[in-house]
Amino acid sequence: ICRDVFCAEEGYEIVEIDQSQIELRVAALLSGDAVMIKVFQDDGDVHLYAAKKMAIKQKMPQAEVDVMTKQHPLRAQIKTGVFGALYGEPPEGLAAKWKISKREAQQLQPEILGQFPQLRDWCRAQVAPARRTGYCYTYWDGLPYRRRLLTEIASPDEKIRASAERSSWNTPIQGTAAEY
């Protein structure tokens, strides 16, 4: 394994740190989404929050929703939907993971992201400046940091263009998380 090539000097230790839901924290910060921010302030889990909201919409009994934990299968399913929306996964990918039709995935993805309205609107708003300039940014200390070219955003090919459009919000989220 690659980790075995790293060794600490005598008297030192190597520490691995996992930032809990770092991409989602960055998404909350960049979008200013009040719902996500509140979930994090309450030391909550965004995926569990969204799963509980979706369970209520799917008419799951409230008693079952109240005892839902991180291990619940619906949370795992919703997690793929949340990250799929943030990472720009097309509906076909989500449909394959969930073993549902593309049409069902097209309906579910915005419904999941709709749990976080400011994030949803922020994602949509990232496309216009990317079209205008041909790039997007990661952020550091609240300012644009690294620039990513999105030349494909002007492509006449719908699939290629859509991928670049999704990158217009994915790059600031994932890229900024990687910067941290």
N, C-alpha and C. Protein backbone atom coordinates (compact mmCIF):
# COMPACT_ATOMS: atom_id res chain seq x y z
N ILE A 1 0.85 -1.18 0.00
CA ILE A 1 0.00 0.00 0.00
C ILE A 1 0.89 1.24 0.00
N CYS A 2 0.43 2.26 -0.66
CA CYS A 2 1.22 3.49 -0.84
C CYS A 2 1.51 4.20 0.48
N ARG A 3 0.64 4.08 1.45
CA ARG A 3 0.85 4.76 2.73
C ARG A 3 2.10 4.28 3.44
N ASP A 4 2.51 3.05 3.14
CA ASP A 4 3.67 2.47 3.82
C ASP A 4 4.98 3.16 3.46
N VAL A 5 5.01 3.98 2.42
CA VAL A 5 6.24 4.67 2.04
C VAL A 5 6.48 5.90 2.91
N PHE A 6 5.49 6.32 3.66
CA PHE A 6 5.64 7.48 4.54
C PHE A 6 5.97 6.99 5.94
N CYS A 7 7.09 7.46 6.46
CA CYS A 7 7.53 7.06 7.79
C CYS A 7 7.87 8.31 8.59
N ALA A 8 7.48 8.31 9.83
CA ALA A 8 7.79 9.44 10.70
C ALA A 8 9.19 9.29 11.27
N GLU A 9 9.86 10.41 11.45
CA GLU A 9 11.17 10.39 12.10
C GLU A 9 11.00 9.92 13.53
N GLU A 10 12.08 9.49 14.11
CA GLU A 10 12.10 9.07 15.51
C GLU A 10 11.52 10.18 16.38
N GLY A 11 10.56 9.85 17.22
CA GLY A 11 9.97 10.83 18.12
C GLY A 11 8.77 11.56 17.54
N TYR A 12 8.43 11.29 16.28
CA TYR A 12 7.29 11.94 15.63
C TYR A 12 6.29 10.89 15.17
N GLU A 13 5.08 11.34 14.94
CA GLU A 13 4.03 10.47 14.41
C GLU A 13 3.37 11.12 13.22
N ILE A 14 2.90 10.31 12.29
CA ILE A 14 2.12 10.81 11.17
C ILE A 14 0.66 10.67 11.56
N VAL A 15 -0.08 11.73 11.37
CA VAL A 15 -1.49 11.74 11.75
C VAL A 15 -2.33 11.91 10.49
N GLU A 16 -3.35 11.11 10.38
CA GLU A 16 -4.30 11.24 9.27
C GLU A 16 -5.57 11.85 9.82
N ILE A 17 -6.05 12.89 9.16
CA ILE A 17 -7.24 13.59 9.63
C ILE A 17 -8.30 13.55 8.54
N ASP A 18 -9.51 13.22 8.93
CA ASP A 18 -10.63 13.19 7.99
C ASP A 18 -11.55 14.35 8.34
N GLN A 19 -11.69 15.29 7.42
CA GLN A 19 -12.61 16.40 7.63
C GLN A 19 -14.02 15.89 7.35
N SER A 20 -14.85 15.80 8.35
CA SER A 20 -16.20 15.28 8.21
C SER A 20 -17.02 16.13 7.23
N GLN A 21 -17.45 15.51 6.16
CA GLN A 21 -18.32 16.14 5.16
C GLN A 21 -17.74 17.47 4.66
N ILE A 22 -16.43 17.50 4.38
CA ILE A 22 -15.77 18.75 4.03
C ILE A 22 -16.37 19.38 2.78
N GLU A 23 -16.67 18.58 1.74
CA GLU A 23 -17.25 19.16 0.53
C GLU A 23 -18.59 19.80 0.83
N LEU A 24 -19.37 19.18 1.69
CA LEU A 24 -20.67 19.74 2.04
C LEU A 24 -20.52 21.01 2.88
N ARG A 25 -19.52 21.04 3.71
CA ARG A 25 -19.25 22.25 4.50
C ARG A 25 -18.84 23.40 3.57
N VAL A 26 -18.01 23.09 2.58
CA VAL A 26 -17.61 24.11 1.61
C VAL A 26 -18.82 24.56 0.81
N ALA A 27 -19.67 23.61 0.40
CA ALA A 27 -20.89 23.96 -0.34
C ALA A 27 -21.78 24.89 0.48
N ALA A 28 -21.91 24.60 1.77
CA ALA A 28 -22.71 25.45 2.65
C ALA A 28 -22.09 26.85 2.75
N LEU A 29 -20.78 26.90 2.87
CA LEU A 29 -20.08 28.18 2.98
C LEU A 29 -20.23 29.01 1.71
N LEU A 30 -19.97 28.40 0.56
CA LEU A 30 -20.02 29.13 -0.71
C LEU A 30 -21.43 29.59 -1.06
N SER A 31 -22.41 28.72 -0.79
CA SER A 31 -23.79 29.04 -1.16
C SER A 31 -24.52 29.85 -0.10
N GLY A 32 -24.01 29.80 1.13
CA GLY A 32 -24.71 30.45 2.23
C GLY A 32 -26.02 29.77 2.58
N ASP A 33 -26.13 28.47 2.23
CA ASP A 33 -27.39 27.76 2.46
C ASP A 33 -27.69 27.66 3.96
N ALA A 34 -28.75 28.34 4.37
CA ALA A 34 -29.12 28.41 5.80
C ALA A 34 -29.46 27.05 6.38
N VAL A 35 -30.08 26.19 5.58
CA VAL A 35 -30.46 24.86 6.07
C VAL A 35 -29.21 24.05 6.38
N MET A 36 -28.27 24.00 5.42
CA MET A 36 -27.04 23.23 5.63
C MET A 36 -26.24 23.80 6.80
N ILE A 37 -26.14 25.11 6.85
CA ILE A 37 -25.38 25.73 7.92
C ILE A 37 -25.97 25.37 9.28
N LYS A 38 -27.29 25.39 9.37
CA LYS A 38 -27.97 25.03 10.63
C LYS A 38 -27.69 23.57 10.99
N VAL A 39 -27.74 22.68 10.00
CA VAL A 39 -27.45 21.26 10.26
C VAL A 39 -26.04 21.12 10.84
N PHE A 40 -25.07 21.81 10.24
CA PHE A 40 -23.70 21.72 10.74
C PHE A 40 -23.55 22.38 12.10
N GLN A 41 -24.22 23.51 12.33
CA GLN A 41 -24.15 24.16 13.65
C GLN A 41 -24.71 23.26 14.74
N ASP A 42 -25.69 22.45 14.38
CA ASP A 42 -26.29 21.52 15.34
C ASP A 42 -25.52 20.20 15.40
N ASP A 43 -24.30 20.17 14.80
CA ASP A 43 -23.45 18.99 14.76
C ASP A 43 -24.18 17.81 14.10
N GLY A 44 -24.95 18.14 13.07
CA GLY A 44 -25.74 17.13 12.39
C GLY A 44 -25.05 16.55 11.17
N ASP A 45 -25.79 15.72 10.48
CA ASP A 45 -25.34 15.01 9.30
C ASP A 45 -26.26 15.41 8.15
N VAL A 46 -25.72 16.06 7.14
CA VAL A 46 -26.52 16.56 6.03
C VAL A 46 -27.25 15.42 5.32
N HIS A 47 -26.58 14.29 5.14
CA HIS A 47 -27.20 13.16 4.44
C HIS A 47 -28.38 12.60 5.25
N LEU A 48 -28.20 12.50 6.55
CA LEU A 48 -29.28 11.99 7.40
C LEU A 48 -30.45 12.98 7.42
N TYR A 49 -30.13 14.26 7.47
CA TYR A 49 -31.17 15.29 7.42
C TYR A 49 -31.99 15.14 6.14
N ALA A 50 -31.30 15.06 4.99
CA ALA A 50 -31.99 14.94 3.70
C ALA A 50 -32.77 13.63 3.62
N ALA A 51 -32.21 12.56 4.16
CA ALA A 51 -32.90 11.26 4.14
C ALA A 51 -34.19 11.33 4.94
N LYS A 52 -34.14 11.97 6.08
CA LYS A 52 -35.36 12.09 6.89
C LYS A 52 -36.42 12.92 6.17
N LYS A 53 -35.99 13.99 5.52
CA LYS A 53 -36.95 14.82 4.77
C LYS A 53 -37.56 14.02 3.61
N MET A 54 -36.73 13.26 2.91
CA MET A 54 -37.24 12.45 1.80
C MET A 54 -38.14 11.32 2.31
N ALA A 55 -37.81 10.76 3.45
CA ALA A 55 -38.64 9.70 4.04
C ALA A 55 -40.03 10.22 4.35
N ILE A 56 -40.11 11.42 4.87
CA ILE A 56 -41.41 12.03 5.17
C ILE A 56 -42.18 12.24 3.88
N LYS A 57 -41.50 12.71 2.83
CA LYS A 57 -42.16 12.90 1.54
C LYS A 57 -42.66 11.57 0.96
N GLN A 58 -41.92 10.49 1.26
CA GLN A 58 -42.31 9.18 0.76
C GLN A 58 -43.31 8.49 1.69
N LYS A 59 -43.83 9.24 2.64
CA LYS A 59 -44.86 8.77 3.56
C LYS A 59 -44.38 7.65 4.50
N MET A 60 -43.09 7.68 4.86
CA MET A 60 -42.58 6.73 5.85
C MET A 60 -43.17 7.11 7.20
N PRO A 61 -43.56 6.15 8.02
CA PRO A 61 -44.12 6.49 9.34
C PRO A 61 -43.15 7.34 10.16
N GLN A 62 -43.68 8.36 10.81
CA GLN A 62 -42.87 9.30 11.59
C GLN A 62 -42.03 8.57 12.64
N ALA A 63 -42.58 7.52 13.23
CA ALA A 63 -41.83 6.77 14.25
C ALA A 63 -40.55 6.17 13.66
N GLU A 64 -40.62 5.71 12.43
CA GLU A 64 -39.43 5.16 11.77
C GLU A 64 -38.44 6.27 11.41
N VAL A 65 -38.96 7.40 10.98
CA VAL A 65 -38.11 8.54 10.64
C VAL A 65 -37.36 9.02 11.88
N ASP A 66 -38.05 9.07 13.01
CA ASP A 66 -37.46 9.57 14.25
C ASP A 66 -36.26 8.74 14.73
N VAL A 67 -36.25 7.46 14.42
CA VAL A 67 -35.16 6.58 14.89
C VAL A 67 -34.14 6.29 13.79
N MET A 68 -34.26 6.96 12.67
CA MET A 68 -33.33 6.74 11.56
C MET A 68 -31.92 7.14 11.98
N THR A 69 -30.95 6.31 11.63
CA THR A 69 -29.55 6.57 11.97
C THR A 69 -28.71 6.63 10.69
N LYS A 70 -27.43 6.87 10.89
CA LYS A 70 -26.50 6.92 9.75
C LYS A 70 -26.43 5.58 9.01
N GLN A 71 -26.83 4.51 9.66
CA GLN A 71 -26.76 3.19 9.05
C GLN A 71 -28.00 2.87 8.21
N HIS A 72 -29.00 3.71 8.23
CA HIS A 72 -30.24 3.44 7.50
C HIS A 72 -29.95 3.41 5.99
N PRO A 73 -30.51 2.43 5.27
CA PRO A 73 -30.26 2.33 3.82
C PRO A 73 -30.70 3.57 3.04
N LEU A 74 -31.74 4.25 3.47
CA LEU A 74 -32.19 5.45 2.77
C LEU A 74 -31.14 6.56 2.86
N ARG A 75 -30.44 6.65 3.99
CA ARG A 75 -29.39 7.66 4.13
C ARG A 75 -28.30 7.40 3.10
N ALA A 76 -27.89 6.15 2.96
CA ALA A 76 -26.85 5.81 1.98
C ALA A 76 -27.31 6.16 0.57
N GLN A 77 -28.56 5.90 0.28
CA GLN A 77 -29.10 6.20 -1.05
C GLN A 77 -29.14 7.71 -1.28
N ILE A 78 -29.61 8.44 -0.30
CA ILE A 78 -29.69 9.90 -0.42
C ILE A 78 -28.29 10.50 -0.52
N LYS A 79 -27.32 9.92 0.18
CA LYS A 79 -25.94 10.41 0.11
C LYS A 79 -25.44 10.37 -1.33
N THR A 80 -25.72 9.30 -2.04
CA THR A 80 -25.29 9.24 -3.45
C THR A 80 -25.99 10.31 -4.27
N GLY A 81 -27.23 10.62 -3.92
CA GLY A 81 -27.96 11.67 -4.63
C GLY A 81 -27.42 13.06 -4.34
N VAL A 82 -27.08 13.32 -3.08
CA VAL A 82 -26.54 14.63 -2.71
C VAL A 82 -25.19 14.83 -3.39
N PHE A 83 -24.31 13.84 -3.25
CA PHE A 83 -22.99 13.97 -3.87
C PHE A 83 -23.11 13.95 -5.39
N GLY A 84 -24.03 13.16 -5.92
CA GLY A 84 -24.24 13.14 -7.36
C GLY A 84 -24.63 14.52 -7.88
N ALA A 85 -25.49 15.21 -7.15
CA ALA A 85 -25.90 16.56 -7.56
C ALA A 85 -24.72 17.52 -7.47
N LEU A 86 -23.95 17.44 -6.38
CA LEU A 86 -22.82 18.34 -6.21
C LEU A 86 -21.70 18.06 -7.21
N TYR A 87 -21.47 16.79 -7.49
CA TYR A 87 -20.37 16.42 -8.37
C TYR A 87 -20.77 16.40 -9.83
N GLY A 88 -22.02 16.73 -10.09
CA GLY A 88 -22.45 16.83 -11.47
C GLY A 88 -22.70 15.50 -12.15
N GLU A 89 -23.09 14.51 -11.36
CA GLU A 89 -23.39 13.21 -11.96
C GLU A 89 -24.67 13.31 -12.79
N PRO A 90 -24.62 12.87 -14.03
CA PRO A 90 -25.85 12.91 -14.84
C PRO A 90 -26.88 11.91 -14.31
N PRO A 91 -28.15 12.12 -14.63
CA PRO A 91 -29.21 11.23 -14.13
C PRO A 91 -28.97 9.76 -14.47
N GLU A 92 -28.32 9.48 -15.60
CA GLU A 92 -28.05 8.09 -15.97
C GLU A 92 -27.20 7.39 -14.91
N GLY A 93 -26.21 8.11 -14.38
CA GLY A 93 -25.35 7.53 -13.36
C GLY A 93 -26.10 7.24 -12.08
N LEU A 94 -26.93 8.19 -11.66
CA LEU A 94 -27.74 8.00 -10.46
C LEU A 94 -28.73 6.86 -10.66
N ALA A 95 -29.34 6.79 -11.83
CA ALA A 95 -30.30 5.72 -12.13
C ALA A 95 -29.63 4.36 -12.03
N ALA A 96 -28.41 4.25 -12.52
CA ALA A 96 -27.69 2.98 -12.47
C ALA A 96 -27.36 2.59 -11.03
N LYS A 97 -26.94 3.56 -10.22
CA LYS A 97 -26.60 3.28 -8.83
C LYS A 97 -27.83 2.87 -8.02
N TRP A 98 -28.95 3.53 -8.27
CA TRP A 98 -30.16 3.28 -7.50
C TRP A 98 -31.04 2.19 -8.12
N LYS A 99 -30.65 1.76 -9.33
CA LYS A 99 -31.44 0.75 -10.05
C LYS A 99 -32.88 1.24 -10.27
N ILE A 100 -32.96 2.48 -10.78
CA ILE A 100 -34.25 3.08 -11.13
C ILE A 100 -34.13 3.62 -12.55
N SER A 101 -35.24 4.07 -13.09
CA SER A 101 -35.20 4.60 -14.45
C SER A 101 -34.54 5.98 -14.48
N LYS A 102 -34.06 6.36 -15.65
CA LYS A 102 -33.46 7.68 -15.82
C LYS A 102 -34.49 8.76 -15.48
N ARG A 103 -35.73 8.54 -15.87
CA ARG A 103 -36.78 9.51 -15.59
C ARG A 103 -36.98 9.70 -14.08
N GLU A 104 -36.98 8.59 -13.34
CA GLU A 104 -37.12 8.68 -11.88
C GLU A 104 -35.94 9.43 -11.27
N ALA A 105 -34.75 9.16 -11.79
CA ALA A 105 -33.55 9.84 -11.29
C ALA A 105 -33.62 11.33 -11.59
N GLN A 106 -34.12 11.68 -12.77
CA GLN A 106 -34.26 13.09 -13.13
C GLN A 106 -35.21 13.81 -12.20
N GLN A 107 -36.20 13.10 -11.67
CA GLN A 107 -37.15 13.70 -10.74
C GLN A 107 -36.59 13.76 -9.33
N LEU A 108 -35.86 12.72 -8.93
CA LEU A 108 -35.35 12.65 -7.57
C LEU A 108 -34.19 13.61 -7.30
N GLN A 109 -33.30 13.75 -8.26
CA GLN A 109 -32.11 14.57 -8.03
C GLN A 109 -32.47 16.00 -7.62
N PRO A 110 -33.33 16.69 -8.36
CA PRO A 110 -33.68 18.05 -7.92
C PRO A 110 -34.47 18.06 -6.61
N GLU A 111 -35.20 16.99 -6.37
CA GLU A 111 -35.97 16.91 -5.12
C GLU A 111 -35.02 16.80 -3.92
N ILE A 112 -33.96 16.02 -4.08
CA ILE A 112 -32.97 15.89 -3.01
C ILE A 112 -32.25 17.22 -2.81
N LEU A 113 -31.76 17.81 -3.90
CA LEU A 113 -31.06 19.08 -3.80
C LEU A 113 -32.00 20.18 -3.32
N GLY A 114 -33.29 20.03 -3.59
CA GLY A 114 -34.28 21.00 -3.15
C GLY A 114 -34.41 21.11 -1.64
N GLN A 115 -33.84 20.14 -0.90
CA GLN A 115 -33.82 20.24 0.56
C GLN A 115 -32.93 21.40 1.00
N PHE A 116 -32.07 21.83 0.08
CA PHE A 116 -31.10 22.89 0.36
C PHE A 116 -31.26 23.97 -0.72
N PRO A 117 -32.29 24.82 -0.59
CA PRO A 117 -32.65 25.74 -1.68
C PRO A 117 -31.58 26.75 -2.06
N GLN A 118 -30.86 27.27 -1.10
CA GLN A 118 -29.83 28.26 -1.45
C GLN A 118 -28.67 27.58 -2.18
N LEU A 119 -28.35 26.37 -1.80
CA LEU A 119 -27.32 25.62 -2.51
C LEU A 119 -27.76 25.33 -3.94
N ARG A 120 -28.99 24.88 -4.10
CA ARG A 120 -29.53 24.60 -5.44
C ARG A 120 -29.45 25.85 -6.32
N ASP A 121 -29.88 26.98 -5.79
CA ASP A 121 -29.86 28.23 -6.56
C ASP A 121 -28.43 28.68 -6.85
N TRP A 122 -27.53 28.50 -5.89
CA TRP A 122 -26.14 28.87 -6.09
C TRP A 122 -25.53 28.03 -7.22
N CYS A 123 -25.79 26.73 -7.20
CA CYS A 123 -25.27 25.85 -8.26
C CYS A 123 -25.74 26.34 -9.63
N ARG A 124 -27.01 26.62 -9.74
CA ARG A 124 -27.55 27.12 -11.02
C ARG A 124 -26.91 28.44 -11.42
N ALA A 125 -26.64 29.29 -10.45
CA ALA A 125 -26.09 30.62 -10.73
C ALA A 125 -24.63 30.57 -11.18
N GLN A 126 -23.93 29.47 -10.95
CA GLN A 126 -22.53 29.38 -11.33
C GLN A 126 -22.34 29.20 -12.84
N VAL A 127 -23.38 28.76 -13.52
CA VAL A 127 -23.27 28.46 -14.95
C VAL A 127 -23.09 29.74 -15.77
N ALA A 128 -23.85 30.78 -15.50
CA ALA A 128 -23.80 32.01 -16.32
C ALA A 128 -22.41 32.65 -16.35
N PRO A 129 -21.76 32.88 -15.19
CA PRO A 129 -20.43 33.48 -15.28
C PRO A 129 -19.41 32.55 -15.96
N ALA A 130 -19.59 31.26 -15.80
CA ALA A 130 -18.68 30.32 -16.46
C ALA A 130 -18.87 30.39 -17.98
N ARG A 131 -20.11 30.52 -18.42
CA ARG A 131 -20.36 30.69 -19.86
C ARG A 131 -19.74 31.99 -20.38
N ARG A 132 -19.88 33.03 -19.59
CA ARG A 132 -19.40 34.36 -20.00
C ARG A 132 -17.87 34.40 -20.06
N THR A 133 -17.20 33.80 -19.06
CA THR A 133 -15.74 33.92 -18.96
C THR A 133 -14.99 32.70 -19.48
N GLY A 134 -15.64 31.53 -19.46
CA GLY A 134 -14.97 30.31 -19.88
C GLY A 134 -14.16 29.64 -18.78
N TYR A 135 -14.38 30.05 -17.53
CA TYR A 135 -13.68 29.41 -16.42
C TYR A 135 -14.46 29.57 -15.12
N CYS A 136 -13.97 28.86 -14.09
CA CYS A 136 -14.50 29.00 -12.73
C CYS A 136 -13.30 28.95 -11.79
N TYR A 137 -13.56 29.12 -10.50
CA TYR A 137 -12.48 29.20 -9.51
C TYR A 137 -12.70 28.26 -8.35
N THR A 138 -11.58 27.89 -7.72
CA THR A 138 -11.63 27.41 -6.35
C THR A 138 -11.44 28.67 -5.49
N TYR A 139 -11.62 28.53 -4.19
CA TYR A 139 -11.49 29.68 -3.29
C TYR A 139 -10.54 29.38 -2.15
N TRP A 140 -9.90 30.43 -1.69
CA TRP A 140 -9.04 30.35 -0.52
C TRP A 140 -9.18 31.66 0.23
N ASP A 141 -9.45 31.57 1.51
CA ASP A 141 -9.58 32.74 2.37
C ASP A 141 -10.64 33.71 1.82
N GLY A 142 -11.69 33.13 1.24
CA GLY A 142 -12.81 33.93 0.75
C GLY A 142 -12.61 34.56 -0.61
N LEU A 143 -11.48 34.32 -1.24
CA LEU A 143 -11.18 34.95 -2.53
C LEU A 143 -10.94 33.89 -3.61
N PRO A 144 -11.20 34.23 -4.88
CA PRO A 144 -10.87 33.30 -5.96
C PRO A 144 -9.39 32.93 -5.88
N TYR A 145 -9.09 31.65 -6.08
CA TYR A 145 -7.73 31.17 -5.87
C TYR A 145 -7.16 30.55 -7.14
N ARG A 146 -7.63 29.37 -7.49
CA ARG A 146 -7.16 28.71 -8.71
C ARG A 146 -8.25 28.79 -9.77
N ARG A 147 -7.83 28.98 -11.00
CA ARG A 147 -8.79 29.09 -12.09
C ARG A 147 -8.78 27.79 -12.90
N ARG A 148 -9.97 27.31 -13.21
CA ARG A 148 -10.11 26.13 -14.06
C ARG A 148 -10.81 26.55 -15.35
N LEU A 149 -10.15 26.29 -16.46
CA LEU A 149 -10.75 26.59 -17.75
C LEU A 149 -11.90 25.63 -18.03
N LEU A 150 -12.96 26.17 -18.58
CA LEU A 150 -14.13 25.38 -18.96
C LEU A 150 -14.48 25.68 -20.42
N THR A 151 -13.52 25.46 -21.30
CA THR A 151 -13.74 25.79 -22.71
C THR A 151 -14.89 25.00 -23.31
N GLU A 152 -15.18 23.81 -22.78
CA GLU A 152 -16.25 22.98 -23.31
C GLU A 152 -17.64 23.54 -23.02
N ILE A 153 -17.71 24.59 -22.21
CA ILE A 153 -19.01 25.17 -21.85
C ILE A 153 -19.69 25.80 -23.06
N ALA A 154 -18.94 26.04 -24.12
CA ALA A 154 -19.51 26.59 -25.35
C ALA A 154 -19.71 25.52 -26.42
N SER A 155 -19.54 24.28 -26.05
CA SER A 155 -19.64 23.19 -27.04
C SER A 155 -21.07 23.07 -27.57
N PRO A 156 -21.19 22.80 -28.86
CA PRO A 156 -22.52 22.55 -29.42
C PRO A 156 -23.05 21.16 -29.03
N ASP A 157 -22.15 20.29 -28.57
CA ASP A 157 -22.54 18.95 -28.13
C ASP A 157 -23.14 19.05 -26.73
N GLU A 158 -24.41 18.68 -26.61
CA GLU A 158 -25.14 18.86 -25.34
C GLU A 158 -24.47 18.14 -24.17
N LYS A 159 -24.01 16.92 -24.37
CA LYS A 159 -23.39 16.17 -23.26
C LYS A 159 -22.09 16.82 -22.80
N ILE A 160 -21.29 17.25 -23.74
CA ILE A 160 -20.02 17.90 -23.40
C ILE A 160 -20.29 19.22 -22.69
N ARG A 161 -21.22 20.01 -23.22
CA ARG A 161 -21.56 21.30 -22.61
C ARG A 161 -22.13 21.11 -21.21
N ALA A 162 -23.04 20.13 -21.05
CA ALA A 162 -23.65 19.88 -19.74
C ALA A 162 -22.61 19.48 -18.70
N SER A 163 -21.62 18.71 -19.11
CA SER A 163 -20.55 18.32 -18.20
C SER A 163 -19.77 19.54 -17.73
N ALA A 164 -19.46 20.44 -18.64
CA ALA A 164 -18.74 21.67 -18.27
C ALA A 164 -19.61 22.55 -17.38
N GLU A 165 -20.90 22.60 -17.65
CA GLU A 165 -21.80 23.39 -16.80
C GLU A 165 -21.80 22.85 -15.38
N ARG A 166 -21.85 21.52 -15.25
CA ARG A 166 -21.81 20.92 -13.91
C ARG A 166 -20.48 21.22 -13.22
N SER A 167 -19.40 21.29 -13.99
CA SER A 167 -18.09 21.62 -13.42
C SER A 167 -18.04 23.04 -12.89
N SER A 168 -18.93 23.91 -13.39
CA SER A 168 -18.92 25.31 -12.95
C SER A 168 -19.28 25.44 -11.47
N TRP A 169 -20.01 24.47 -10.93
CA TRP A 169 -20.27 24.51 -9.48
C TRP A 169 -19.51 23.42 -8.76
N ASN A 170 -19.21 22.33 -9.45
CA ASN A 170 -18.46 21.24 -8.82
C ASN A 170 -17.04 21.66 -8.49
N THR A 171 -16.38 22.36 -9.40
CA THR A 171 -15.00 22.76 -9.17
C THR A 171 -14.85 23.67 -7.95
N PRO A 172 -15.68 24.71 -7.80
CA PRO A 172 -15.52 25.53 -6.59
C PRO A 172 -15.72 24.73 -5.31
N ILE A 173 -16.62 23.75 -5.33
CA ILE A 173 -16.88 22.97 -4.12
C ILE A 173 -15.76 21.96 -3.87
N GLN A 174 -15.55 21.05 -4.80
CA GLN A 174 -14.55 20.01 -4.61
C GLN A 174 -13.14 20.58 -4.60
N GLY A 175 -12.88 21.53 -5.49
CA GLY A 175 -11.55 22.12 -5.56
C GLY A 175 -11.20 22.90 -4.31
N THR A 176 -12.15 23.65 -3.80
CA THR A 176 -11.90 24.40 -2.57
C THR A 176 -11.70 23.45 -1.40
N ALA A 177 -12.47 22.39 -1.34
CA ALA A 177 -12.29 21.38 -0.28
C ALA A 177 -10.89 20.78 -0.37
N ALA A 178 -10.42 20.52 -1.59
CA ALA A 178 -9.07 19.97 -1.77
C ALA A 178 -8.01 20.99 -1.34
N GLU A 179 -8.27 22.28 -1.56
CA GLU A 179 -7.33 23.30 -1.13
C GLU A 179 -7.15 23.27 0.39
N TYR A 180 -8.27 23.06 1.11
CA TYR A 180 -8.17 22.98 2.57
C TYR A 180 -7.41 21.76 2.98
